[in-house]
PDB file of N, CA and C in Angstrom:
ATOM      1  N   MET A   1     137.849  97.392 118.193  1.00  0.00           N
ATOM      2  CA  MET A   1     137.134  97.632 116.959  1.00  0.00           C
ATOM      3  C   MET A   1     137.524  96.606 115.905  1.00  0.00           C
ATOM      4  N   GLU A   2     138.715  96.115 115.976  1.00  0.00           N
ATOM      5  CA  GLU A   2     139.178  95.152 114.977  1.00  0.00           C
ATOM      6  C   GLU A   2     138.403  93.839 115.079  1.00  0.00           C
ATOM      7  N   GLN A   3     137.892  93.517 116.276  1.00  0.00           N
ATOM      8  CA  GLN A   3     137.177  92.260 116.467  1.00  0.00           C
ATOM      9  C   GLN A   3     135.658  92.428 116.336  1.00  0.00           C
ATOM     10  N   LEU A   4     135.210  93.605 116.010  1.00  0.00           N
ATOM     11  CA  LEU A   4     133.786  93.896 115.909  1.00  0.00           C
ATOM     12  C   LEU A   4     133.061  92.929 114.983  1.00  0.00           C
ATOM     13  N   LYS A   5     133.683  92.594 113.878  1.00  0.00           N
ATOM     14  CA  LYS A   5     133.026  91.695 112.919  1.00  0.00           C
ATOM     15  C   LYS A   5     132.878  90.268 113.458  1.00  0.00           C
ATOM     16  N   TYR A   6     133.535  89.939 114.538  1.00  0.00           N
ATOM     17  CA  TYR A   6     133.435  88.602 115.121  1.00  0.00           C
ATOM     18  C   TYR A   6     132.428  88.510 116.265  1.00  0.00           C
ATOM     19  N   LEU A   7     131.917  89.641 116.707  1.00  0.00           N
ATOM     20  CA  LEU A   7     130.940  89.642 117.799  1.00  0.00           C
ATOM     21  C   LEU A   7     129.579  89.169 117.290  1.00  0.00           C
ATOM     22  N   PRO A   8     128.894  88.363 118.092  1.00  0.00           N
ATOM     23  CA  PRO A   8     127.567  87.916 117.647  1.00  0.00           C
ATOM     24  C   PRO A   8     126.568  89.072 117.652  1.00  0.00           C
ATOM     25  N   VAL A   9     125.682  89.078 116.690  1.00  0.00           N
ATOM     26  CA  VAL A   9     124.657  90.118 116.635  1.00  0.00           C
ATOM     27  C   VAL A   9     123.560  89.784 117.650  1.00  0.00           C
ATOM     28  N   PRO A  10     122.917  90.792 118.235  1.00  0.00           N
ATOM     29  CA  PRO A  10     121.890  90.540 119.250  1.00  0.00           C
ATOM     30  C   PRO A  10     120.541  90.140 118.647  1.00  0.00           C
ATOM     31  N   TYR A  11     120.491  89.900 117.358  1.00  0.00           N
ATOM     32  CA  TYR A  11     119.248  89.538 116.680  1.00  0.00           C
ATOM     33  C   TYR A  11     119.579  88.660 115.481  1.00  0.00           C
ATOM     34  N   LYS A  12     118.616  87.897 115.035  1.00  0.00           N
ATOM     35  CA  LYS A  12     118.749  87.146 113.788  1.00  0.00           C
ATOM     36  C   LYS A  12     117.361  86.835 113.260  1.00  0.00           C
ATOM     37  N   ASP A  13     117.283  86.436 112.041  1.00  0.00           N
ATOM     38  CA  ASP A  13     116.018  86.137 111.375  1.00  0.00           C
ATOM     39  C   ASP A  13     115.050  87.317 111.466  1.00  0.00           C
ATOM     40  N   VAL A  14     115.512  88.491 111.117  1.00  0.00           N
ATOM     41  CA  VAL A  14     114.700  89.697 111.177  1.00  0.00           C
ATOM     42  C   VAL A  14     113.783  89.753 109.965  1.00  0.00           C
ATOM     43  N   GLU A  15     112.502  90.038 110.215  1.00  0.00           N
ATOM     44  CA  GLU A  15     111.547  90.235 109.134  1.00  0.00           C
ATOM     45  C   GLU A  15     111.211  91.715 109.061  1.00  0.00           C
ATOM     46  N   VAL A  16     111.177  92.247 107.868  1.00  0.00           N
ATOM     47  CA  VAL A  16     110.870  93.645 107.656  1.00  0.00           C
ATOM     48  C   VAL A  16     109.653  93.730 106.746  1.00  0.00           C
ATOM     49  N   PHE A  17     108.754  94.667 107.066  1.00  0.00           N
ATOM     50  CA  PHE A  17     107.598  94.890 106.207  1.00  0.00           C
ATOM     51  C   PHE A  17     107.261  96.371 106.209  1.00  0.00           C
ATOM     52  N   VAL A  18     106.530  96.789 105.222  1.00  0.00           N
ATOM     53  CA  VAL A  18     106.074  98.168 105.122  1.00  0.00           C
ATOM     54  C   VAL A  18     104.558  98.124 105.015  1.00  0.00           C
ATOM     55  N   GLN A  19     103.905  98.959 105.824  1.00  0.00           N
ATOM     56  CA  GLN A  19     102.445  98.987 105.828  1.00  0.00           C
ATOM     57  C   GLN A  19     101.989 100.385 106.216  1.00  0.00           C
ATOM     58  N   GLU A  20     100.869 100.822 105.701  1.00  0.00           N
ATOM     59  CA  GLU A  20     100.328 102.112 106.103  1.00  0.00           C
ATOM     60  C   GLU A  20      99.999 102.062 107.590  1.00  0.00           C
ATOM     61  N   LYS A  21     100.335 103.148 108.299  1.00  0.00           N
ATOM     62  CA  LYS A  21     100.191 103.158 109.757  1.00  0.00           C
ATOM     63  C   LYS A  21      98.769 102.842 110.204  1.00  0.00           C
ATOM     64  N   TYR A  22      97.763 103.395 109.544  1.00  0.00           N
ATOM     65  CA  TYR A  22      96.399 103.167 110.013  1.00  0.00           C
ATOM     66  C   TYR A  22      96.013 101.693 109.946  1.00  0.00           C
ATOM     67  N   LYS A  23      96.643 100.935 109.068  1.00  0.00           N
ATOM     68  CA  LYS A  23      96.307  99.516 108.933  1.00  0.00           C
ATOM     69  C   LYS A  23      96.924  98.646 110.024  1.00  0.00           C
ATOM     70  N   ILE A  24      97.930  99.179 110.728  1.00  0.00           N
ATOM     71  CA  ILE A  24      98.538  98.402 111.814  1.00  0.00           C
ATOM     72  C   ILE A  24      98.403  99.101 113.164  1.00  0.00           C
ATOM     73  N   ALA A  25      97.726 100.242 113.170  1.00  0.00           N
ATOM     74  CA  ALA A  25      97.556 100.991 114.416  1.00  0.00           C
ATOM     75  C   ALA A  25      96.636 100.249 115.372  1.00  0.00           C
ATOM     76  N   GLY A  26      96.947 100.376 116.636  1.00  0.00           N
ATOM     77  CA  GLY A  26      96.114  99.791 117.673  1.00  0.00           C
ATOM     78  C   GLY A  26      95.178 100.825 118.275  1.00  0.00           C
ATOM     79  N   LYS A  27      94.591 100.447 119.403  1.00  0.00           N
ATOM     80  CA  LYS A  27      93.596 101.291 120.077  1.00  0.00           C
ATOM     81  C   LYS A  27      94.188 102.068 121.239  1.00  0.00           C
ATOM     82  N   LYS A  28      95.422 101.765 121.588  1.00  0.00           N
ATOM     83  CA  LYS A  28      96.063 102.359 122.763  1.00  0.00           C
ATOM     84  C   LYS A  28      97.410 102.956 122.365  1.00  0.00           C
ATOM     85  N   PRO A  29      97.906 103.904 123.164  1.00  0.00           N
ATOM     86  CA  PRO A  29      99.243 104.446 122.905  1.00  0.00           C
ATOM     87  C   PRO A  29     100.302 103.359 122.976  1.00  0.00           C
ATOM     88  N   GLY A  30     101.465 103.663 122.419  1.00  0.00           N
ATOM     89  CA  GLY A  30     102.559 102.696 122.396  1.00  0.00           C
ATOM     90  C   GLY A  30     102.977 102.227 123.776  1.00  0.00           C
ATOM     91  N   SER A  31     102.910 103.118 124.759  1.00  0.00           N
ATOM     92  CA  SER A  31     103.152 102.740 126.146  1.00  0.00           C
ATOM     93  C   SER A  31     102.256 103.611 127.013  1.00  0.00           C
ATOM     94  N   GLY A  32     102.172 103.290 128.249  1.00  0.00           N
ATOM     95  CA  GLY A  32     101.228 103.979 129.121  1.00  0.00           C
ATOM     96  C   GLY A  32     101.541 105.424 129.420  1.00  0.00           C
ATOM     97  N   ASN A  33     102.757 105.858 129.176  1.00  0.00           N
ATOM     98  CA  ASN A  33     103.114 107.227 129.539  1.00  0.00           C
ATOM     99  C   ASN A  33     103.614 108.038 128.336  1.00  0.00           C
ATOM    100  N   THR A  34     103.112 107.710 127.158  1.00  0.00           N
ATOM    101  CA  THR A  34     103.491 108.474 125.964  1.00  0.00           C
ATOM    102  C   THR A  34     102.237 108.844 125.192  1.00  0.00           C
ATOM    103  N   GLU A  35     102.446 109.589 124.142  1.00  0.00           N
ATOM    104  CA  GLU A  35     101.343 109.950 123.256  1.00  0.00           C
ATOM    105  C   GLU A  35     101.571 109.358 121.875  1.00  0.00           C
ATOM    106  N   ASN A  36     102.352 108.304 121.803  1.00  0.00           N
ATOM    107  CA  ASN A  36     102.626 107.637 120.536  1.00  0.00           C
ATOM    108  C   ASN A  36     101.510 106.653 120.205  1.00  0.00           C
ATOM    109  N   ILE A  37     101.185 106.575 118.942  1.00  0.00           N
ATOM    110  CA  ILE A  37     100.186 105.601 118.496  1.00  0.00           C
ATOM    111  C   ILE A  37     100.838 104.234 118.486  1.00  0.00           C
ATOM    112  N   GLY A  38     100.248 103.296 119.218  1.00  0.00           N
ATOM    113  CA  GLY A  38     100.790 101.947 119.262  1.00  0.00           C
ATOM    114  C   GLY A  38     100.230 101.087 118.147  1.00  0.00           C
ATOM    115  N   SER A  39     100.950 100.044 117.812  1.00  0.00           N
ATOM    116  CA  SER A  39     100.448  99.063 116.851  1.00  0.00           C
ATOM    117  C   SER A  39      99.510  98.103 117.566  1.00  0.00           C
ATOM    118  N   PHE A  40      98.637  97.443 116.807  1.00  0.00           N
ATOM    119  CA  PHE A  40      97.728  96.508 117.447  1.00  0.00           C
ATOM    120  C   PHE A  40      98.479  95.262 117.864  1.00  0.00           C
ATOM    121  N   LYS A  41      98.011  94.660 118.939  1.00  0.00           N
ATOM    122  CA  LYS A  41      98.661  93.470 119.472  1.00  0.00           C
ATOM    123  C   LYS A  41      98.179  92.238 118.725  1.00  0.00           C
ATOM    124  N   THR A  42      99.128  91.396 118.395  1.00  0.00           N
ATOM    125  CA  THR A  42      98.804  90.144 117.729  1.00  0.00           C
ATOM    126  C   THR A  42      99.921  89.148 117.996  1.00  0.00           C
ATOM    127  N   LYS A  43      99.587  87.903 117.957  1.00  0.00           N
ATOM    128  CA  LYS A  43     100.576  86.842 118.091  1.00  0.00           C
ATOM    129  C   LYS A  43     100.996  86.312 116.730  1.00  0.00           C
ATOM    130  N   ASN A  44     100.393  86.881 115.677  1.00  0.00           N
ATOM    131  CA  ASN A  44     100.637  86.405 114.322  1.00  0.00           C
ATOM    132  C   ASN A  44     101.225  87.540 113.485  1.00  0.00           C
ATOM    133  N   ILE A  45     102.495  87.456 113.159  1.00  0.00           N
ATOM    134  CA  ILE A  45     103.171  88.506 112.393  1.00  0.00           C
ATOM    135  C   ILE A  45     102.480  88.752 111.053  1.00  0.00           C
ATOM    136  N   GLN A  46     101.830  87.741 110.496  1.00  0.00           N
ATOM    137  CA  GLN A  46     101.136  87.912 109.210  1.00  0.00           C
ATOM    138  C   GLN A  46     100.038  88.966 109.307  1.00  0.00           C
ATOM    139  N   HIS A  47      99.416  89.096 110.474  1.00  0.00           N
ATOM    140  CA  HIS A  47      98.385  90.119 110.644  1.00  0.00           C
ATOM    141  C   HIS A  47      98.978  91.519 110.474  1.00  0.00           C
ATOM    142  N   LEU A  48     100.195  91.716 110.951  1.00  0.00           N
ATOM    143  CA  LEU A  48     100.871  93.001 110.763  1.00  0.00           C
ATOM    144  C   LEU A  48     101.314  93.164 109.316  1.00  0.00           C
ATOM    145  N   ILE A  49     101.931  92.148 108.773  1.00  0.00           N
ATOM    146  CA  ILE A  49     102.407  92.208 107.388  1.00  0.00           C
ATOM    147  C   ILE A  49     101.251  92.508 106.436  1.00  0.00           C
ATOM    148  N   ASN A  50     100.099  91.893 106.693  1.00  0.00           N
ATOM    149  CA  ASN A  50      98.929  92.082 105.829  1.00  0.00           C
ATOM    150  C   ASN A  50      98.147  93.363 106.141  1.00  0.00           C
ATOM    151  N   GLY A  51      98.526  94.060 107.191  1.00  0.00           N
ATOM    152  CA  GLY A  51      97.826  95.295 107.556  1.00  0.00           C
ATOM    153  C   GLY A  51      96.407  95.037 108.013  1.00  0.00           C
ATOM    154  N   GLU A  52      96.250  94.116 108.967  1.00  0.00           N
ATOM    155  CA  GLU A  52      94.924  93.690 109.411  1.00  0.00           C
ATOM    156  C   GLU A  52      94.529  94.244 110.772  1.00  0.00           C
ATOM    157  N   GLY A  53      94.949  95.447 111.098  1.00  0.00           N
ATOM    158  CA  GLY A  53      94.578  96.057 112.364  1.00  0.00           C
ATOM    159  C   GLY A  53      93.127  96.505 112.377  1.00  0.00           C
ATOM    160  N   PRO A  54      92.619  96.925 113.523  1.00  0.00           N
ATOM    161  CA  PRO A  54      91.202  97.314 113.621  1.00  0.00           C
ATOM    162  C   PRO A  54      90.824  98.468 112.692  1.00  0.00           C
ATOM    163  N   PHE A  55      91.749  99.388 112.446  1.00  0.00           N
ATOM    164  CA  PHE A  55      91.422 100.512 111.580  1.00  0.00           C
ATOM    165  C   PHE A  55      91.473 100.132 110.105  1.00  0.00           C
ATOM    166  N   SER A  56      92.012  98.956 109.794  1.00  0.00           N
ATOM    167  CA  SER A  56      91.998  98.502 108.404  1.00  0.00           C
ATOM    168  C   SER A  56      90.559  98.266 107.947  1.00  0.00           C
ATOM    169  N   VAL A  57      89.684  97.898 108.881  1.00  0.00           N
ATOM    170  CA  VAL A  57      88.268  97.720 108.525  1.00  0.00           C
ATOM    171  C   VAL A  57      87.451  98.980 108.800  1.00  0.00           C
ATOM    172  N   LEU A  58      87.896  99.794 109.752  1.00  0.00           N
ATOM    173  CA  LEU A  58      87.160 101.019 110.088  1.00  0.00           C
ATOM    174  C   LEU A  58      87.509 102.165 109.146  1.00  0.00           C
ATOM    175  N   GLY A  59      88.707 102.143 108.584  1.00  0.00           N
ATOM    176  CA  GLY A  59      89.108 103.142 107.603  1.00  0.00           C
ATOM    177  C   GLY A  59      90.008 104.227 108.155  1.00  0.00           C
ATOM    178  N   MET A  60      90.699 104.886 107.222  1.00  0.00           N
ATOM    179  CA  MET A  60      91.648 105.927 107.590  1.00  0.00           C
ATOM    180  C   MET A  60      90.953 107.129 108.243  1.00  0.00           C
ATOM    181  N   GLU A  61      89.760 107.468 107.787  1.00  0.00           N
ATOM    182  CA  GLU A  61      89.060 108.620 108.359  1.00  0.00           C
ATOM    183  C   GLU A  61      88.766 108.404 109.850  1.00  0.00           C
ATOM    184  N   ILE A  62      88.333 107.206 110.214  1.00  0.00           N
ATOM    185  CA  ILE A  62      88.050 106.889 111.625  1.00  0.00           C
ATOM    186  C   ILE A  62      89.357 106.865 112.412  1.00  0.00           C
ATOM    187  N   TYR A  63      90.382 106.279 111.842  1.00  0.00           N
ATOM    188  CA  TYR A  63      91.709 106.268 112.473  1.00  0.00           C
ATOM    189  C   TYR A  63      92.156 107.690 112.798  1.00  0.00           C
ATOM    190  N   GLU A  64      92.056 108.582 111.815  1.00  0.00           N
ATOM    191  CA  GLU A  64      92.500 109.962 112.022  1.00  0.00           C
ATOM    192  C   GLU A  64      91.654 110.673 113.075  1.00  0.00           C
ATOM    193  N   GLU A  65      90.344 110.469 113.035  1.00  0.00           N
ATOM    194  CA  GLU A  65      89.485 111.111 114.035  1.00  0.00           C
ATOM    195  C   GLU A  65      89.755 110.547 115.427  1.00  0.00           C
ATOM    196  N   TYR A  66      89.856 109.225 115.518  1.00  0.00           N
ATOM    197  CA  TYR A  66      90.111 108.561 116.806  1.00  0.00           C
ATOM    198  C   TYR A  66      91.409 109.078 117.426  1.00  0.00           C
ATOM    199  N   TRP A  67      92.492 109.046 116.665  1.00  0.00           N
ATOM    200  CA  TRP A  67      93.780 109.402 117.236  1.00  0.00           C
ATOM    201  C   TRP A  67      93.967 110.902 117.386  1.00  0.00           C
ATOM    202  N   SER A  68      93.322 111.719 116.566  1.00  0.00           N
ATOM    203  CA  SER A  68      93.449 113.164 116.763  1.00  0.00           C
ATOM    204  C   SER A  68      92.672 113.596 118.003  1.00  0.00           C
ATOM    205  N   GLY A  69      91.641 112.834 118.392  1.00  0.00           N
ATOM    206  CA  GLY A  69      90.871 113.160 119.584  1.00  0.00           C
ATOM    207  C   GLY A  69      91.260 112.368 120.813  1.00  0.00           C
ATOM    208  N   TYR A  70      92.185 111.420 120.650  1.00  0.00           N
ATOM    209  CA  TYR A  70      92.603 110.596 121.786  1.00  0.00           C
ATOM    210  C   TYR A  70      93.253 111.510 122.828  1.00  0.00           C
ATOM    211  N   PRO A  71      92.908 111.353 124.095  1.00  0.00           N
ATOM    212  CA  PRO A  71      93.418 112.281 125.114  1.00  0.00           C
ATOM    213  C   PRO A  71      94.936 112.200 125.280  1.00  0.00           C
ATOM    214  N   LYS A  72      95.510 113.335 125.549  1.00  0.00           N
ATOM    215  CA  LYS A  72      96.940 113.387 125.844  1.00  0.00           C
ATOM    216  C   LYS A  72      97.197 112.663 127.157  1.00  0.00           C
ATOM    217  N   TYR A  73      98.417 112.225 127.346  1.00  0.00           N
ATOM    218  CA  TYR A  73      98.793 111.415 128.514  1.00  0.00           C
ATOM    219  C   TYR A  73      98.352 112.049 129.829  1.00  0.00           C
ATOM    220  N   ARG A  74      98.547 113.326 129.994  1.00  0.00           N
ATOM    221  CA  ARG A  74      98.245 113.993 131.261  1.00  0.00           C
ATOM    222  C   ARG A  74      96.881 114.700 131.258  1.00  0.00           C
ATOM    223  N   ALA A  75      96.063 114.436 130.271  1.00  0.00           N
ATOM    224  CA  ALA A  75      94.758 115.104 130.186  1.00  0.00           C
ATOM    225  C   ALA A  75      93.891 114.751 131.384  1.00  0.00           C
ATOM    226  N   THR A  76      93.190 115.735 131.905  1.00  0.00           N
ATOM    227  CA  THR A  76      92.290 115.490 133.030  1.00  0.00           C
ATOM    228  C   THR A  76      90.893 115.121 132.530  1.00  0.00           C
ATOM    229  N   SER A  77      90.553 115.558 131.339  1.00  0.00           N
ATOM    230  CA  SER A  77      89.265 115.234 130.735  1.00  0.00           C
ATOM    231  C   SER A  77      89.500 114.294 129.557  1.00  0.00           C
ATOM    232  N   LYS A  78      88.793 113.168 129.544  1.00  0.00           N
ATOM    233  CA  LYS A  78      89.004 112.174 128.486  1.00  0.00           C
ATOM    234  C   LYS A  78      87.653 111.745 127.927  1.00  0.00           C
ATOM    235  N   ASP A  79      87.406 112.092 126.664  1.00  0.00           N
ATOM    236  CA  ASP A  79      86.156 111.690 126.018  1.00  0.00           C
ATOM    237  C   ASP A  79      86.105 110.185 125.779  1.00  0.00           C
ATOM    238  N   TYR A  80      87.264 109.598 125.453  1.00  0.00           N
ATOM    239  CA  TYR A  80      87.330 108.154 125.225  1.00  0.00           C
ATOM    240  C   TYR A  80      88.775 107.694 125.334  1.00  0.00           C
ATOM    241  N   THR A  81      88.950 106.421 125.684  1.00  0.00           N
ATOM    242  CA  THR A  81      90.278 105.812 125.709  1.00  0.00           C
ATOM    243  C   THR A  81      90.244 104.404 125.117  1.00  0.00           C
ATOM    244  N   SER A  82      89.167 104.083 124.419  1.00  0.00           N
ATOM    245  CA  SER A  82      89.042 102.792 123.752  1.00  0.00           C
ATOM    246  C   SER A  82      88.102 102.969 122.568  1.00  0.00           C
ATOM    247  N   LEU A  83      88.096 102.002 121.678  1.00  0.00           N
ATOM    248  CA  LEU A  83      87.176 102.088 120.539  1.00  0.00           C
ATOM    249  C   LEU A  83      85.726 102.020 120.992  1.00  0.00           C
ATOM    250  N   GLU A  84      85.422 101.209 121.995  1.00  0.00           N
ATOM    251  CA  GLU A  84      84.053 101.119 122.485  1.00  0.00           C
ATOM    252  C   GLU A  84      83.584 102.482 123.014  1.00  0.00           C
ATOM    253  N   GLU A  85      84.454 103.151 123.784  1.00  0.00           N
ATOM    254  CA  GLU A  85      84.122 104.485 124.288  1.00  0.00           C
ATOM    255  C   GLU A  85      84.031 105.491 123.146  1.00  0.00           C
ATOM    256  N   TYR A  86      84.887 105.344 122.139  1.00  0.00           N
ATOM    257  CA  TYR A  86      84.835 106.221 120.967  1.00  0.00           C
ATOM    258  C   TYR A  86      83.476 106.096 120.270  1.00  0.00           C
ATOM    259  N   PHE A  87      82.978 104.866 120.130  1.00  0.00           N
ATOM    260  CA  PHE A  87      81.669 104.669 119.494  1.00  0.00           C
ATOM    261  C   PHE A  87      80.565 105.350 120.309  1.00  0.00           C
ATOM    262  N   ARG A  88      80.617 105.218 121.634  1.00  0.00           N
ATOM    263  CA  ARG A  88      79.614 105.886 122.479  1.00  0.00           C
ATOM    264  C   ARG A  88      79.731 107.409 122.362  1.00  0.00           C
ATOM    265  N   TRP A  89      80.963 107.907 122.351  1.00  0.00           N
ATOM    266  CA  TRP A  89      81.206 109.330 122.187  1.00  0.00           C
ATOM    267  C   TRP A  89      80.643 109.799 120.841  1.00  0.00           C
ATOM    268  N   GLY A  90      80.924 109.058 119.775  1.00  0.00           N
ATOM    269  CA  GLY A  90      80.423 109.407 118.453  1.00  0.00           C
ATOM    270  C   GLY A  90      78.910 109.410 118.397  1.00  0.00           C
ATOM    271  N   GLN A  91      78.295 108.450 119.064  1.00  0.00           N
ATOM    272  CA  GLN A  91      76.838 108.393 119.096  1.00  0.00           C
ATOM    273  C   GLN A  91      76.270 109.625 119.802  1.00  0.00           C
ATOM    274  N   ARG A  92      76.885 110.030 120.890  1.00  0.00           N
ATOM    275  CA  ARG A  92      76.441 111.250 121.584  1.00  0.00           C
ATOM    276  C   ARG A  92      76.589 112.481 120.696  1.00  0.00           C
ATOM    277  N   LYS A  93      77.558 112.454 119.796  1.00  0.00           N
ATOM    278  CA  LYS A  93      77.790 113.573 118.879  1.00  0.00           C
ATOM    279  C   LYS A  93      76.883 113.490 117.647  1.00  0.00           C
ATOM    280  N   GLY A  94      76.019 112.473 117.588  1.00  0.00           N
ATOM    281  CA  GLY A  94      75.094 112.339 116.468  1.00  0.00           C
ATOM    282  C   GLY A  94      75.648 111.587 115.273  1.00  0.00           C
ATOM    283  N   LYS A  95      76.761 110.905 115.448  1.00  0.00           N
ATOM    284  CA  LYS A  95      77.355 110.134 114.350  1.00  0.00           C
ATOM    285  C   LYS A  95      76.682 108.767 114.255  1.00  0.00           C
ATOM    286  N   GLU A  96      76.631 108.242 113.055  1.00  0.00           N
ATOM    287  CA  GLU A  96      76.101 106.890 112.835  1.00  0.00           C
ATOM    288  C   GLU A  96      77.249 105.915 113.089  1.00  0.00           C
ATOM    289  N   VAL A  97      77.179 105.193 114.179  1.00  0.00           N
ATOM    290  CA  VAL A  97      78.287 104.318 114.567  1.00  0.00           C
ATOM    291  C   VAL A  97      77.918 102.832 114.553  1.00  0.00           C
ATOM    292  N   ASN A  98      76.668 102.490 114.297  1.00  0.00           N
ATOM    293  CA  ASN A  98      76.267 101.080 114.348  1.00  0.00           C
ATOM    294  C   ASN A  98      77.042 100.226 113.353  1.00  0.00           C
ATOM    295  N   LYS A  99      77.229 100.716 112.141  1.00  0.00           N
ATOM    296  CA  LYS A  99      77.992  99.962 111.138  1.00  0.00           C
ATOM    297  C   LYS A  99      79.436  99.794 111.593  1.00  0.00           C
ATOM    298  N   LEU A 100      80.018 100.855 112.162  1.00  0.00           N
ATOM    299  CA  LEU A 100      81.392 100.774 112.664  1.00  0.00           C
ATOM    300  C   LEU A 100      81.504  99.744 113.781  1.00  0.00           C
ATOM    301  N   ARG A 101      80.539  99.747 114.679  1.00  0.00           N
ATOM    302  CA  ARG A 101      80.538  98.758 115.775  1.00  0.00           C
ATOM    303  C   ARG A 101      80.504  97.335 115.227  1.00  0.00           C
ATOM    304  N   ARG A 102      79.640  97.104 114.239  1.00  0.00           N
ATOM    305  CA  ARG A 102      79.540  95.760 113.640  1.00  0.00           C
ATOM    306  C   ARG A 102      80.854  95.363 112.968  1.00  0.00           C
ATOM    307  N   MET A 103      81.452  96.300 112.259  1.00  0.00           N
ATOM    308  CA  MET A 103      82.728  96.005 111.587  1.00  0.00           C
ATOM    309  C   MET A 103      83.807  95.684 112.616  1.00  0.00           C
ATOM    310  N   TYR A 104      83.828  96.445 113.694  1.00  0.00           N
ATOM    311  CA  TYR A 104      84.823  96.210 114.733  1.00  0.00           C
ATOM    312  C   TYR A 104      84.583  94.876 115.428  1.00  0.00           C
ATOM    313  N   GLN A 105      83.341  94.542 115.726  1.00  0.00           N
ATOM    314  CA  GLN A 105      83.028  93.250 116.345  1.00  0.00           C
ATOM    315  C   GLN A 105      83.463  92.093 115.449  1.00  0.00           C
ATOM    316  N   TYR A 106      83.230  92.246 114.156  1.00  0.00           N
ATOM    317  CA  TYR A 106      83.662  91.211 113.198  1.00  0.00           C
ATOM    318  C   TYR A 106      85.191  91.099 113.221  1.00  0.00           C
ATOM    319  N   TRP A 107      85.867  92.247 113.219  1.00  0.00           N
ATOM    320  CA  TRP A 107      87.332  92.226 113.262  1.00  0.00           C
ATOM    321  C   TRP A 107      87.822  91.510 114.523  1.00  0.00           C
ATOM    322  N   LYS A 108      87.217  91.827 115.668  1.00  0.00           N
ATOM    323  CA  LYS A 108      87.622  91.181 116.926  1.00  0.00           C
ATOM    324  C   LYS A 108      87.438  89.668 116.849  1.00  0.00           C
ATOM    325  N   LYS A 109      86.329  89.263 116.291  1.00  0.00           N
ATOM    326  CA  LYS A 109      86.057  87.823 116.163  1.00  0.00           C
ATOM    327  C   LYS A 109      87.084  87.144 115.273  1.00  0.00           C
ATOM    328  N   MET A 110      87.460  87.796 114.179  1.00  0.00           N
ATOM    329  CA  MET A 110      88.415  87.214 113.247  1.00  0.00           C
ATOM    330  C   MET A 110      89.852  87.226 113.770  1.00  0.00           C
ATOM    331  N   HIS A 111      90.160  88.152 114.656  1.00  0.00           N
ATOM    332  CA  HIS A 111      91.528  88.300 115.134  1.00  0.00           C
ATOM    333  C   HIS A 111      91.710  87.970 116.606  1.00  0.00           C
ATOM    334  N   LYS A 112      90.677  87.480 117.229  1.00  0.00           N
ATOM    335  CA  LYS A 112      90.792  87.112 118.654  1.00  0.00           C
ATOM    336  C   LYS A 112      91.449  88.253 119.421  1.00  0.00           C
ATOM    337  N   ASP A 113      90.857  89.442 119.303  1.00  0.00           N
ATOM    338  CA  ASP A 113      91.393  90.675 119.871  1.00  0.00           C
ATOM    339  C   ASP A 113      91.805  90.496 121.330  1.00  0.00           C
ATOM    340  N   GLU A 114      92.969  90.987 121.657  1.00  0.00           N
ATOM    341  CA  GLU A 114      93.487  90.893 123.039  1.00  0.00           C
ATOM    342  C   GLU A 114      93.253  92.160 123.792  1.00  0.00           C
TER     343      GLU A 114
END
């Protein structure tokens, strides 16, 4: 313990930011076997810092509806597992989704969605 201060840290140049979850939320769970909301994938940390995730253009209401209806990991019935499927599901439910689709397509174009 006396030499603890001399041990190298396993990280350096750490950047910290604070952002509302819906602005950095992705379309998929954090990992394949959990029910955690994952962040959107990007190669540019500024996109996270600026809160430029897909729900930043779709809005908090869509984020909440999408993730509250996202199927549980072991669910046998799944209405949707992607934003594209969510839009089709919403259309079947009588929701106006054309504007949302356009906004999402624009977001994908601007962020080279992976």
